[in-house]
Amino acid sequence: GPVKTREFAFLALPRFTLLAFSSAIEPLRIANQLTQQPLYSWNLVSMDGAPVESSAGVRIEVDLGLEPLARDTTVVVCSGTDASQAADRKVLAWLRNHQRMGGRIGAICTGAYTLARAGLLGDDAPAVHWENRPAFRELFDVEPLQQIYVIGPKHFSCAGGEASVDMMLELIAQDHGKKLADAVAEMCLHSRRRIASVAQKTIYPAA
């Protein structure tokens, strides 16, 4: 029957990590392909609406600048090697406003730095890549989680790399069930769905 499309906006910050970024989008595309239904849609966003260069030197075109988004859009902050200063004040204000309006926020790779700078983490610790944990702890006086992803009541985040696949598979499972998530994992040639080591909470109602 008819489904409600879940909308994402991927904010690509300068020198974002290409592997983590693409690993977050592809499971959504495959879920649509397998079901032949528009379960998910997404737009790519940059700070100024201009193309963004990844840490690998690959540039991507985007759909939007920092424009207001629909309340039910989930924003995912994608960062990389310039973790602590990748976002300017306009980005931080844009993220705060989206959450204030009831929008949902997540991060991949070092995107959690931007969430922390914007004051959006609350009491929830994020998942951060192991090499970034000491710096994150020093900058924000928060102990990052030692796991590949977390889906909490206020935000979701992952350590980057292939962990983006695992996190998105879990979001798909929460939306549409374990069977579809497992099928997407198989299409990704992802040998198994790795589940985070702590209890997770759904941060938004199922579609």
N, C-alpha and C. Protein backbone atom coordinates (compact mmCIF):
# COMPACT_ATOMS: atom_id res chain seq x y z
N GLY A 1 0.82 -1.19 0.00
CA GLY A 1 0.00 0.00 0.00
C GLY A 1 0.86 1.25 0.00
N PRO A 2 0.19 2.42 0.01
CA PRO A 2 0.93 3.69 0.00
C PRO A 2 1.83 3.80 1.23
N VAL A 3 2.97 4.41 1.05
CA VAL A 3 3.90 4.62 2.17
C VAL A 3 4.21 6.11 2.29
N LYS A 4 4.57 6.51 3.49
CA LYS A 4 5.03 7.87 3.71
C LYS A 4 6.53 7.91 3.50
N THR A 5 6.98 8.79 2.64
CA THR A 5 8.41 8.88 2.34
C THR A 5 9.13 9.59 3.47
N ARG A 6 10.20 8.98 3.96
CA ARG A 6 11.04 9.60 4.98
C ARG A 6 12.08 10.47 4.27
N GLU A 7 12.14 11.75 4.62
CA GLU A 7 13.03 12.69 3.94
C GLU A 7 14.27 12.97 4.77
N PHE A 8 15.42 12.94 4.09
CA PHE A 8 16.71 13.25 4.70
C PHE A 8 17.34 14.44 3.99
N ALA A 9 18.13 15.20 4.72
CA ALA A 9 18.97 16.25 4.14
C ALA A 9 20.38 16.01 4.64
N PHE A 10 21.29 15.69 3.74
CA PHE A 10 22.68 15.42 4.10
C PHE A 10 23.49 16.70 3.92
N LEU A 11 23.93 17.26 5.03
CA LEU A 11 24.74 18.47 5.02
C LEU A 11 26.20 18.09 4.87
N ALA A 12 26.77 18.36 3.71
CA ALA A 12 28.17 18.03 3.44
C ALA A 12 29.05 19.23 3.78
N LEU A 13 29.84 19.10 4.83
CA LEU A 13 30.76 20.16 5.21
C LEU A 13 32.08 19.99 4.48
N PRO A 14 32.86 21.07 4.33
CA PRO A 14 34.12 20.99 3.58
C PRO A 14 35.02 19.87 4.10
N ARG A 15 35.58 19.11 3.16
CA ARG A 15 36.49 18.00 3.42
C ARG A 15 35.80 16.88 4.18
N PHE A 16 34.50 16.68 3.89
CA PHE A 16 33.77 15.56 4.46
C PHE A 16 34.36 14.25 3.97
N THR A 17 34.11 13.17 4.71
CA THR A 17 34.65 11.86 4.36
C THR A 17 33.71 11.17 3.37
N LEU A 18 34.22 10.89 2.19
CA LEU A 18 33.39 10.36 1.11
C LEU A 18 32.85 8.98 1.43
N LEU A 19 33.65 8.12 2.04
CA LEU A 19 33.21 6.76 2.35
C LEU A 19 32.01 6.77 3.31
N ALA A 20 32.11 7.53 4.38
CA ALA A 20 31.02 7.58 5.35
C ALA A 20 29.77 8.19 4.74
N PHE A 21 29.94 9.21 3.91
CA PHE A 21 28.83 9.90 3.26
C PHE A 21 28.06 8.95 2.32
N SER A 22 28.78 8.30 1.42
CA SER A 22 28.12 7.41 0.47
C SER A 22 27.54 6.18 1.17
N SER A 23 28.20 5.72 2.23
CA SER A 23 27.71 4.56 2.97
C SER A 23 26.41 4.85 3.70
N ALA A 24 26.12 6.12 3.94
CA ALA A 24 24.86 6.48 4.58
C ALA A 24 23.72 6.57 3.57
N ILE A 25 24.01 7.00 2.37
CA ILE A 25 22.97 7.19 1.36
C ILE A 25 22.59 5.89 0.65
N GLU A 26 23.56 5.05 0.34
CA GLU A 26 23.30 3.86 -0.46
C GLU A 26 22.28 2.91 0.15
N PRO A 27 22.28 2.66 1.47
CA PRO A 27 21.24 1.79 2.03
C PRO A 27 19.83 2.33 1.78
N LEU A 28 19.66 3.63 1.80
CA LEU A 28 18.35 4.22 1.52
C LEU A 28 17.94 3.97 0.07
N ARG A 29 18.89 4.16 -0.83
CA ARG A 29 18.60 3.91 -2.25
C ARG A 29 18.23 2.45 -2.48
N ILE A 30 18.96 1.55 -1.85
CA ILE A 30 18.71 0.12 -2.04
C ILE A 30 17.37 -0.28 -1.44
N ALA A 31 17.00 0.32 -0.32
CA ALA A 31 15.69 0.03 0.27
C ALA A 31 14.58 0.41 -0.70
N ASN A 32 14.73 1.55 -1.37
CA ASN A 32 13.75 1.95 -2.39
C ASN A 32 13.73 0.97 -3.55
N GLN A 33 14.92 0.55 -3.97
CA GLN A 33 15.04 -0.37 -5.11
C GLN A 33 14.38 -1.71 -4.81
N LEU A 34 14.64 -2.26 -3.63
CA LEU A 34 14.13 -3.58 -3.28
C LEU A 34 12.61 -3.58 -3.15
N THR A 35 12.06 -2.52 -2.60
CA THR A 35 10.61 -2.47 -2.38
C THR A 35 9.85 -1.86 -3.55
N GLN A 36 10.60 -1.22 -4.46
CA GLN A 36 9.96 -0.51 -5.58
C GLN A 36 8.97 0.52 -5.06
N GLN A 37 9.34 1.14 -3.93
CA GLN A 37 8.53 2.20 -3.35
C GLN A 37 9.45 3.31 -2.84
N PRO A 38 8.97 4.55 -2.85
CA PRO A 38 9.79 5.68 -2.38
C PRO A 38 9.80 5.77 -0.86
N LEU A 39 10.42 4.79 -0.22
CA LEU A 39 10.47 4.80 1.23
C LEU A 39 11.26 5.99 1.74
N TYR A 40 12.30 6.37 0.98
CA TYR A 40 13.20 7.43 1.40
C TYR A 40 13.49 8.38 0.24
N SER A 41 13.70 9.63 0.59
CA SER A 41 14.21 10.61 -0.38
C SER A 41 15.26 11.45 0.34
N TRP A 42 16.08 12.12 -0.42
CA TRP A 42 17.15 12.90 0.21
C TRP A 42 17.58 14.04 -0.70
N ASN A 43 18.06 15.10 -0.05
CA ASN A 43 18.70 16.23 -0.71
C ASN A 43 20.08 16.40 -0.13
N LEU A 44 20.97 16.95 -0.94
CA LEU A 44 22.32 17.26 -0.48
C LEU A 44 22.40 18.76 -0.25
N VAL A 45 23.01 19.14 0.87
CA VAL A 45 23.05 20.53 1.30
C VAL A 45 24.50 20.94 1.54
N SER A 46 24.83 22.17 1.19
CA SER A 46 26.13 22.74 1.55
C SER A 46 25.91 24.08 2.23
N MET A 47 26.97 24.65 2.77
CA MET A 47 26.84 25.90 3.51
C MET A 47 26.38 27.05 2.63
N ASP A 48 26.74 27.02 1.35
CA ASP A 48 26.40 28.13 0.46
C ASP A 48 25.68 27.69 -0.81
N GLY A 49 25.31 26.43 -0.90
CA GLY A 49 24.65 25.93 -2.10
C GLY A 49 25.59 25.60 -3.23
N ALA A 50 26.89 25.78 -2.99
CA ALA A 50 27.90 25.49 -4.01
C ALA A 50 28.43 24.07 -3.82
N PRO A 51 29.08 23.50 -4.86
CA PRO A 51 29.68 22.17 -4.72
C PRO A 51 30.65 22.12 -3.55
N VAL A 52 30.80 20.93 -2.98
CA VAL A 52 31.67 20.73 -1.82
C VAL A 52 32.73 19.69 -2.16
N GLU A 53 33.95 19.94 -1.72
CA GLU A 53 35.05 19.00 -1.96
C GLU A 53 35.24 18.10 -0.75
N SER A 54 35.33 16.81 -1.01
CA SER A 54 35.56 15.84 0.06
C SER A 54 37.04 15.80 0.43
N SER A 55 37.36 15.05 1.47
CA SER A 55 38.76 14.91 1.88
C SER A 55 39.58 14.15 0.85
N ALA A 56 38.90 13.42 -0.06
CA ALA A 56 39.59 12.70 -1.13
C ALA A 56 39.77 13.57 -2.38
N GLY A 57 39.28 14.80 -2.32
CA GLY A 57 39.41 15.69 -3.47
C GLY A 57 38.28 15.58 -4.47
N VAL A 58 37.30 14.70 -4.20
CA VAL A 58 36.14 14.54 -5.08
C VAL A 58 35.10 15.59 -4.72
N ARG A 59 34.64 16.33 -5.71
CA ARG A 59 33.64 17.37 -5.48
C ARG A 59 32.25 16.84 -5.82
N ILE A 60 31.27 17.22 -5.01
CA ILE A 60 29.89 16.81 -5.27
C ILE A 60 29.01 18.04 -5.45
N GLU A 61 28.04 17.91 -6.34
CA GLU A 61 27.03 18.95 -6.50
C GLU A 61 25.98 18.78 -5.41
N VAL A 62 25.37 19.88 -4.99
CA VAL A 62 24.34 19.82 -3.96
C VAL A 62 23.03 20.40 -4.49
N ASP A 63 21.97 20.18 -3.74
CA ASP A 63 20.64 20.64 -4.15
C ASP A 63 20.26 21.96 -3.49
N LEU A 64 20.78 22.20 -2.28
CA LEU A 64 20.31 23.34 -1.49
C LEU A 64 21.45 23.99 -0.73
N GLY A 65 21.23 25.25 -0.35
CA GLY A 65 22.05 25.90 0.65
C GLY A 65 21.35 25.76 1.99
N LEU A 66 21.65 26.68 2.89
CA LEU A 66 21.07 26.61 4.24
C LEU A 66 19.67 27.21 4.24
N GLU A 67 18.76 26.53 3.58
CA GLU A 67 17.38 26.97 3.51
C GLU A 67 16.55 26.25 4.57
N PRO A 68 15.47 26.88 5.03
CA PRO A 68 14.60 26.18 6.00
C PRO A 68 14.07 24.89 5.40
N LEU A 69 14.01 23.86 6.23
CA LEU A 69 13.55 22.55 5.79
C LEU A 69 12.22 22.21 6.44
N ALA A 70 11.52 21.29 5.83
CA ALA A 70 10.28 20.81 6.44
C ALA A 70 10.58 20.18 7.79
N ARG A 71 9.64 20.31 8.69
CA ARG A 71 9.85 19.83 10.06
C ARG A 71 10.17 18.35 10.12
N ASP A 72 9.59 17.56 9.22
CA ASP A 72 9.79 16.11 9.28
C ASP A 72 11.03 15.64 8.53
N THR A 73 11.88 16.58 8.10
CA THR A 73 13.14 16.22 7.45
C THR A 73 14.20 15.91 8.50
N THR A 74 14.92 14.83 8.29
CA THR A 74 16.03 14.48 9.18
C THR A 74 17.33 14.99 8.58
N VAL A 75 18.02 15.85 9.31
CA VAL A 75 19.30 16.40 8.86
C VAL A 75 20.44 15.51 9.35
N VAL A 76 21.35 15.17 8.45
CA VAL A 76 22.52 14.37 8.81
C VAL A 76 23.77 15.19 8.47
N VAL A 77 24.56 15.51 9.48
CA VAL A 77 25.76 16.32 9.30
C VAL A 77 26.92 15.40 8.92
N CYS A 78 27.53 15.69 7.78
CA CYS A 78 28.63 14.87 7.26
C CYS A 78 29.91 15.70 7.29
N SER A 79 30.87 15.25 8.08
CA SER A 79 32.11 16.00 8.23
C SER A 79 33.28 15.05 7.98
N GLY A 80 34.49 15.55 8.22
CA GLY A 80 35.66 14.72 7.94
C GLY A 80 36.89 15.22 8.65
N THR A 81 37.90 15.59 7.88
CA THR A 81 39.21 15.89 8.47
C THR A 81 39.27 17.23 9.18
N ASP A 82 38.41 18.18 8.82
CA ASP A 82 38.39 19.47 9.51
C ASP A 82 37.27 19.47 10.54
N ALA A 83 37.35 18.56 11.47
CA ALA A 83 36.22 18.28 12.35
C ALA A 83 35.80 19.47 13.20
N SER A 84 36.73 20.10 13.89
CA SER A 84 36.36 21.06 14.93
C SER A 84 35.91 22.41 14.38
N GLN A 85 36.32 22.77 13.16
CA GLN A 85 35.98 24.09 12.62
C GLN A 85 35.32 24.02 11.26
N ALA A 86 34.78 22.88 10.88
CA ALA A 86 34.21 22.73 9.54
C ALA A 86 32.97 23.58 9.34
N ALA A 87 32.21 23.79 10.39
CA ALA A 87 30.95 24.53 10.28
C ALA A 87 31.12 25.95 10.81
N ASP A 88 30.53 26.92 10.10
CA ASP A 88 30.57 28.29 10.59
C ASP A 88 29.33 28.59 11.43
N ARG A 89 29.21 29.83 11.87
CA ARG A 89 28.10 30.20 12.76
C ARG A 89 26.75 30.04 12.08
N LYS A 90 26.71 30.27 10.77
CA LYS A 90 25.44 30.14 10.05
C LYS A 90 24.96 28.69 10.08
N VAL A 91 25.89 27.76 9.93
CA VAL A 91 25.52 26.34 9.99
C VAL A 91 25.00 25.98 11.38
N LEU A 92 25.69 26.43 12.41
CA LEU A 92 25.27 26.12 13.78
C LEU A 92 23.88 26.68 14.06
N ALA A 93 23.63 27.90 13.60
CA ALA A 93 22.31 28.50 13.80
C ALA A 93 21.24 27.76 13.01
N TRP A 94 21.58 27.33 11.80
CA TRP A 94 20.64 26.58 10.95
C TRP A 94 20.25 25.27 11.61
N LEU A 95 21.21 24.57 12.18
CA LEU A 95 20.93 23.31 12.86
C LEU A 95 20.08 23.53 14.12
N ARG A 96 20.43 24.55 14.90
CA ARG A 96 19.65 24.85 16.10
C ARG A 96 18.20 25.16 15.73
N ASN A 97 18.03 25.94 14.68
CA ASN A 97 16.67 26.32 14.28
C ASN A 97 15.87 25.10 13.83
N HIS A 98 16.53 24.19 13.09
CA HIS A 98 15.81 23.01 12.62
C HIS A 98 15.36 22.15 13.80
N GLN A 99 16.23 21.97 14.77
CA GLN A 99 15.84 21.19 15.95
C GLN A 99 14.77 21.92 16.75
N ARG A 100 14.88 23.24 16.86
CA ARG A 100 13.89 24.02 17.59
C ARG A 100 12.50 23.89 16.97
N MET A 101 12.46 23.74 15.65
CA MET A 101 11.19 23.60 14.95
C MET A 101 10.65 22.16 14.97
N GLY A 102 11.40 21.28 15.65
CA GLY A 102 10.95 19.90 15.76
C GLY A 102 11.65 18.95 14.81
N GLY A 103 12.63 19.43 14.06
CA GLY A 103 13.37 18.58 13.13
C GLY A 103 14.33 17.66 13.84
N ARG A 104 14.72 16.59 13.16
CA ARG A 104 15.59 15.58 13.74
C ARG A 104 17.00 15.75 13.20
N ILE A 105 17.99 15.43 14.04
CA ILE A 105 19.39 15.70 13.73
C ILE A 105 20.22 14.44 13.94
N GLY A 106 21.16 14.19 13.04
CA GLY A 106 22.11 13.10 13.20
C GLY A 106 23.46 13.51 12.65
N ALA A 107 24.45 12.64 12.80
CA ALA A 107 25.80 12.95 12.34
C ALA A 107 26.51 11.67 11.95
N ILE A 108 27.37 11.80 10.95
CA ILE A 108 28.26 10.69 10.60
C ILE A 108 29.69 11.18 10.63
N CYS A 109 30.59 10.25 10.89
CA CYS A 109 32.03 10.55 11.01
C CYS A 109 32.22 11.63 12.08
N THR A 110 32.88 12.73 11.76
CA THR A 110 33.14 13.76 12.77
C THR A 110 32.04 14.81 12.82
N GLY A 111 30.89 14.54 12.20
CA GLY A 111 29.77 15.46 12.29
C GLY A 111 29.33 15.71 13.71
N ALA A 112 29.64 14.79 14.63
CA ALA A 112 29.27 14.98 16.03
C ALA A 112 29.94 16.21 16.64
N TYR A 113 31.12 16.60 16.12
CA TYR A 113 31.77 17.82 16.57
C TYR A 113 30.86 19.02 16.35
N THR A 114 30.23 19.05 15.18
CA THR A 114 29.36 20.18 14.85
C THR A 114 28.12 20.18 15.73
N LEU A 115 27.56 19.00 16.01
CA LEU A 115 26.42 18.93 16.92
C LEU A 115 26.81 19.44 18.31
N ALA A 116 28.01 19.08 18.76
CA ALA A 116 28.46 19.54 20.08
C ALA A 116 28.66 21.05 20.08
N ARG A 117 29.26 21.60 19.04
CA ARG A 117 29.48 23.05 18.96
C ARG A 117 28.16 23.80 18.93
N ALA A 118 27.13 23.20 18.33
CA ALA A 118 25.82 23.84 18.26
C ALA A 118 25.02 23.65 19.54
N GLY A 119 25.54 22.86 20.47
CA GLY A 119 24.85 22.62 21.73
C GLY A 119 23.66 21.70 21.59
N LEU A 120 23.71 20.77 20.64
CA LEU A 120 22.57 19.93 20.34
C LEU A 120 22.67 18.53 20.94
N LEU A 121 23.77 18.20 21.58
CA LEU A 121 23.93 16.85 22.12
C LEU A 121 23.16 16.64 23.41
N GLY A 122 22.94 17.71 24.16
CA GLY A 122 22.29 17.53 25.46
C GLY A 122 23.15 16.66 26.36
N ASP A 123 22.53 15.71 27.02
CA ASP A 123 23.26 14.80 27.90
C ASP A 123 23.68 13.52 27.20
N ASP A 124 23.44 13.43 25.90
CA ASP A 124 23.73 12.20 25.17
C ASP A 124 25.14 12.23 24.58
N ALA A 125 25.91 11.21 24.85
CA ALA A 125 27.25 11.09 24.27
C ALA A 125 27.14 10.51 22.86
N PRO A 126 27.97 10.99 21.93
CA PRO A 126 27.90 10.49 20.56
C PRO A 126 28.88 9.36 20.32
N ALA A 127 28.71 8.69 19.19
CA ALA A 127 29.70 7.74 18.71
C ALA A 127 30.65 8.50 17.79
N VAL A 128 31.94 8.37 18.05
CA VAL A 128 32.97 9.09 17.30
C VAL A 128 34.07 8.10 16.92
N HIS A 129 34.70 8.30 15.77
CA HIS A 129 35.80 7.44 15.35
C HIS A 129 36.88 7.41 16.42
N TRP A 130 37.49 6.25 16.60
CA TRP A 130 38.44 6.07 17.70
C TRP A 130 39.57 7.09 17.68
N GLU A 131 40.05 7.52 16.51
CA GLU A 131 41.18 8.45 16.48
C GLU A 131 40.76 9.87 16.86
N ASN A 132 39.46 10.14 16.86
CA ASN A 132 38.96 11.47 17.22
C ASN A 132 38.47 11.56 18.65
N ARG A 133 38.41 10.45 19.36
CA ARG A 133 37.86 10.47 20.72
C ARG A 133 38.66 11.35 21.68
N PRO A 134 40.00 11.27 21.70
CA PRO A 134 40.74 12.12 22.65
C PRO A 134 40.50 13.61 22.42
N ALA A 135 40.50 14.05 21.16
CA ALA A 135 40.27 15.46 20.87
C ALA A 135 38.86 15.88 21.24
N PHE A 136 37.88 15.02 20.96
CA PHE A 136 36.50 15.33 21.30
C PHE A 136 36.35 15.49 22.81
N ARG A 137 36.95 14.58 23.54
CA ARG A 137 36.90 14.62 25.01
C ARG A 137 37.51 15.93 25.53
N GLU A 138 38.64 16.32 24.96
CA GLU A 138 39.33 17.53 25.42
C GLU A 138 38.53 18.79 25.09
N LEU A 139 37.93 18.83 23.88
CA LEU A 139 37.22 20.03 23.44
C LEU A 139 35.90 20.24 24.16
N PHE A 140 35.17 19.15 24.40
CA PHE A 140 33.80 19.28 24.88
C PHE A 140 33.55 18.68 26.26
N ASP A 141 34.58 18.11 26.86
CA ASP A 141 34.45 17.49 28.17
C ASP A 141 33.32 16.46 28.19
N VAL A 142 33.23 15.71 27.11
CA VAL A 142 32.26 14.64 26.97
C VAL A 142 33.00 13.37 26.57
N GLU A 143 32.68 12.27 27.19
CA GLU A 143 33.32 11.00 26.86
C GLU A 143 32.54 10.33 25.73
N PRO A 144 33.12 10.24 24.51
CA PRO A 144 32.41 9.60 23.40
C PRO A 144 32.20 8.11 23.67
N LEU A 145 31.17 7.56 23.07
CA LEU A 145 30.88 6.15 23.22
C LEU A 145 31.87 5.29 22.44
N GLN A 146 32.26 4.18 23.00
CA GLN A 146 33.17 3.27 22.32
C GLN A 146 32.36 2.21 21.58
N GLN A 147 31.62 2.65 20.60
CA GLN A 147 30.82 1.75 19.77
C GLN A 147 30.68 2.39 18.39
N ILE A 148 30.23 1.62 17.42
CA ILE A 148 30.26 2.13 16.05
C ILE A 148 29.12 3.09 15.74
N TYR A 149 28.00 3.00 16.45
CA TYR A 149 26.92 3.97 16.26
C TYR A 149 26.02 3.98 17.48
N VAL A 150 25.22 5.02 17.58
CA VAL A 150 24.23 5.13 18.63
C VAL A 150 23.00 5.81 18.05
N ILE A 151 21.84 5.33 18.44
CA ILE A 151 20.57 5.96 18.07
C ILE A 151 19.87 6.29 19.37
N GLY A 152 19.92 7.54 19.75
CA GLY A 152 19.40 7.95 21.04
C GLY A 152 18.14 8.78 20.92
N PRO A 153 17.61 9.26 22.04
CA PRO A 153 16.36 10.01 22.03
C PRO A 153 16.47 11.39 21.41
N LYS A 154 17.68 11.95 21.36
CA LYS A 154 17.83 13.31 20.83
C LYS A 154 18.62 13.38 19.53
N HIS A 155 19.48 12.43 19.29
CA HIS A 155 20.30 12.46 18.09
C HIS A 155 20.78 11.05 17.78
N PHE A 156 21.33 10.88 16.59
CA PHE A 156 22.01 9.63 16.25
C PHE A 156 23.35 9.98 15.64
N SER A 157 24.30 9.08 15.79
CA SER A 157 25.64 9.35 15.26
C SER A 157 26.37 8.04 15.07
N CYS A 158 27.41 8.09 14.24
CA CYS A 158 28.23 6.89 14.03
C CYS A 158 29.68 7.30 13.86
N ALA A 159 30.55 6.31 13.94
CA ALA A 159 31.99 6.54 13.93
C ALA A 159 32.55 6.78 12.54
N GLY A 160 31.72 6.72 11.52
CA GLY A 160 32.19 6.95 10.16
C GLY A 160 32.55 5.66 9.45
N GLY A 161 33.09 5.79 8.23
CA GLY A 161 33.44 4.61 7.45
C GLY A 161 32.23 3.72 7.23
N GLU A 162 32.43 2.41 7.33
CA GLU A 162 31.35 1.45 7.12
C GLU A 162 30.32 1.47 8.24
N ALA A 163 30.63 2.14 9.36
CA ALA A 163 29.65 2.24 10.43
C ALA A 163 28.40 2.98 9.98
N SER A 164 28.54 3.82 8.96
CA SER A 164 27.36 4.51 8.41
C SER A 164 26.35 3.50 7.88
N VAL A 165 26.84 2.44 7.25
CA VAL A 165 25.95 1.40 6.75
C VAL A 165 25.17 0.78 7.90
N ASP A 166 25.86 0.42 8.96
CA ASP A 166 25.22 -0.24 10.09
C ASP A 166 24.16 0.66 10.73
N MET A 167 24.48 1.93 10.87
CA MET A 167 23.52 2.84 11.48
C MET A 167 22.28 3.00 10.61
N MET A 168 22.47 3.17 9.31
CA MET A 168 21.32 3.34 8.43
C MET A 168 20.49 2.06 8.33
N LEU A 169 21.15 0.91 8.39
CA LEU A 169 20.41 -0.35 8.41
C LEU A 169 19.52 -0.44 9.63
N GLU A 170 20.01 0.03 10.77
CA GLU A 170 19.19 0.00 11.98
C GLU A 170 18.01 0.96 11.86
N LEU A 171 18.23 2.12 11.26
CA LEU A 171 17.12 3.05 11.05
C LEU A 171 16.08 2.44 10.11
N ILE A 172 16.54 1.75 9.06
CA ILE A 172 15.62 1.07 8.15
C ILE A 172 14.84 -0.02 8.89
N ALA A 173 15.53 -0.76 9.76
CA ALA A 173 14.85 -1.81 10.53
C ALA A 173 13.79 -1.21 11.44
N GLN A 174 14.07 -0.07 12.04
CA GLN A 174 13.09 0.57 12.90
C GLN A 174 11.89 1.05 12.10
N ASP A 175 12.14 1.52 10.89
CA ASP A 175 11.05 2.00 10.03
C ASP A 175 10.23 0.87 9.41
N HIS A 176 10.92 -0.15 8.88
CA HIS A 176 10.26 -1.11 8.00
C HIS A 176 10.56 -2.57 8.32
N GLY A 177 11.25 -2.82 9.41
CA GLY A 177 11.44 -4.18 9.85
C GLY A 177 12.81 -4.79 9.53
N LYS A 178 13.14 -5.81 10.31
CA LYS A 178 14.43 -6.47 10.21
C LYS A 178 14.62 -7.15 8.85
N LYS A 179 13.55 -7.70 8.29
CA LYS A 179 13.67 -8.43 7.03
C LYS A 179 14.19 -7.53 5.92
N LEU A 180 13.64 -6.33 5.81
CA LEU A 180 14.11 -5.40 4.78
C LEU A 180 15.54 -4.96 5.07
N ALA A 181 15.85 -4.67 6.33
CA ALA A 181 17.21 -4.25 6.67
C ALA A 181 18.23 -5.34 6.32
N ASP A 182 17.88 -6.59 6.58
CA ASP A 182 18.78 -7.69 6.24
C ASP A 182 18.96 -7.82 4.73
N ALA A 183 17.87 -7.60 3.99
CA ALA A 183 17.95 -7.67 2.53
C ALA A 183 18.82 -6.55 1.98
N VAL A 184 18.71 -5.36 2.56
CA VAL A 184 19.57 -4.24 2.13
C VAL A 184 21.03 -4.55 2.43
N ALA A 185 21.29 -5.12 3.62
CA ALA A 185 22.66 -5.50 3.97
C ALA A 185 23.24 -6.48 2.97
N GLU A 186 22.42 -7.44 2.55
CA GLU A 186 22.89 -8.42 1.57
C GLU A 186 23.22 -7.76 0.24
N MET A 187 22.38 -6.81 -0.19
CA MET A 187 22.64 -6.09 -1.43
C MET A 187 23.91 -5.25 -1.35
N CYS A 188 24.20 -4.76 -0.15
CA CYS A 188 25.43 -3.98 0.07
C CYS A 188 26.67 -4.86 0.16
N LEU A 189 26.47 -6.19 0.09
CA LEU A 189 27.56 -7.15 0.36
C LEU A 189 28.14 -6.92 1.75
N HIS A 190 27.26 -6.51 2.65
CA HIS A 190 27.62 -6.28 4.04
C HIS A 190 27.36 -7.60 4.76
N SER A 191 28.39 -8.24 5.25
CA SER A 191 28.28 -9.63 5.69
C SER A 191 27.25 -9.83 6.80
N ARG A 192 27.07 -8.84 7.66
CA ARG A 192 26.09 -8.99 8.72
C ARG A 192 25.71 -7.59 9.23
N ARG A 193 24.56 -7.53 9.85
CA ARG A 193 24.17 -6.27 10.46
C ARG A 193 24.74 -6.22 11.87
N ARG A 194 25.65 -5.30 12.10
CA ARG A 194 26.26 -5.15 13.41
C ARG A 194 25.37 -4.24 14.26
N ILE A 195 24.99 -4.70 15.41
CA ILE A 195 24.11 -3.95 16.28
C ILE A 195 24.94 -3.25 17.34
N ALA A 196 24.62 -1.98 17.62
CA ALA A 196 25.34 -1.24 18.64
C ALA A 196 25.24 -1.95 19.98
N SER A 197 26.22 -1.75 20.83
CA SER A 197 26.34 -2.55 22.04
C SER A 197 25.51 -2.04 23.21
N VAL A 198 24.78 -0.94 23.03
CA VAL A 198 23.94 -0.45 24.11
C VAL A 198 22.51 -0.39 23.64
N ALA A 199 21.59 -0.31 24.60
CA ALA A 199 20.17 -0.22 24.25
C ALA A 199 19.92 1.04 23.43
N GLN A 200 19.12 0.91 22.43
CA GLN A 200 18.83 2.04 21.55
C GLN A 200 17.38 2.45 21.71
N LYS A 201 17.11 3.70 21.43
CA LYS A 201 15.75 4.21 21.46
C LYS A 201 15.44 4.81 20.09
N THR A 202 14.23 4.56 19.62
CA THR A 202 13.82 5.14 18.36
C THR A 202 13.67 6.64 18.54
N ILE A 203 14.31 7.42 17.68
CA ILE A 203 14.26 8.87 17.84
C ILE A 203 13.13 9.48 17.03
N TYR A 204 12.44 8.68 16.25
CA TYR A 204 11.28 9.20 15.55
C TYR A 204 10.29 8.08 15.31
N PRO A 205 9.01 8.40 15.16
CA PRO A 205 8.01 7.34 14.95
C PRO A 205 8.20 6.68 13.62
N ALA A 206 7.81 5.44 13.52
CA ALA A 206 7.92 4.70 12.27
C ALA A 206 7.07 5.36 11.19
N ALA A 207 7.53 5.23 9.94
CA ALA A 207 6.81 5.85 8.82
C ALA A 207 5.46 5.16 8.63
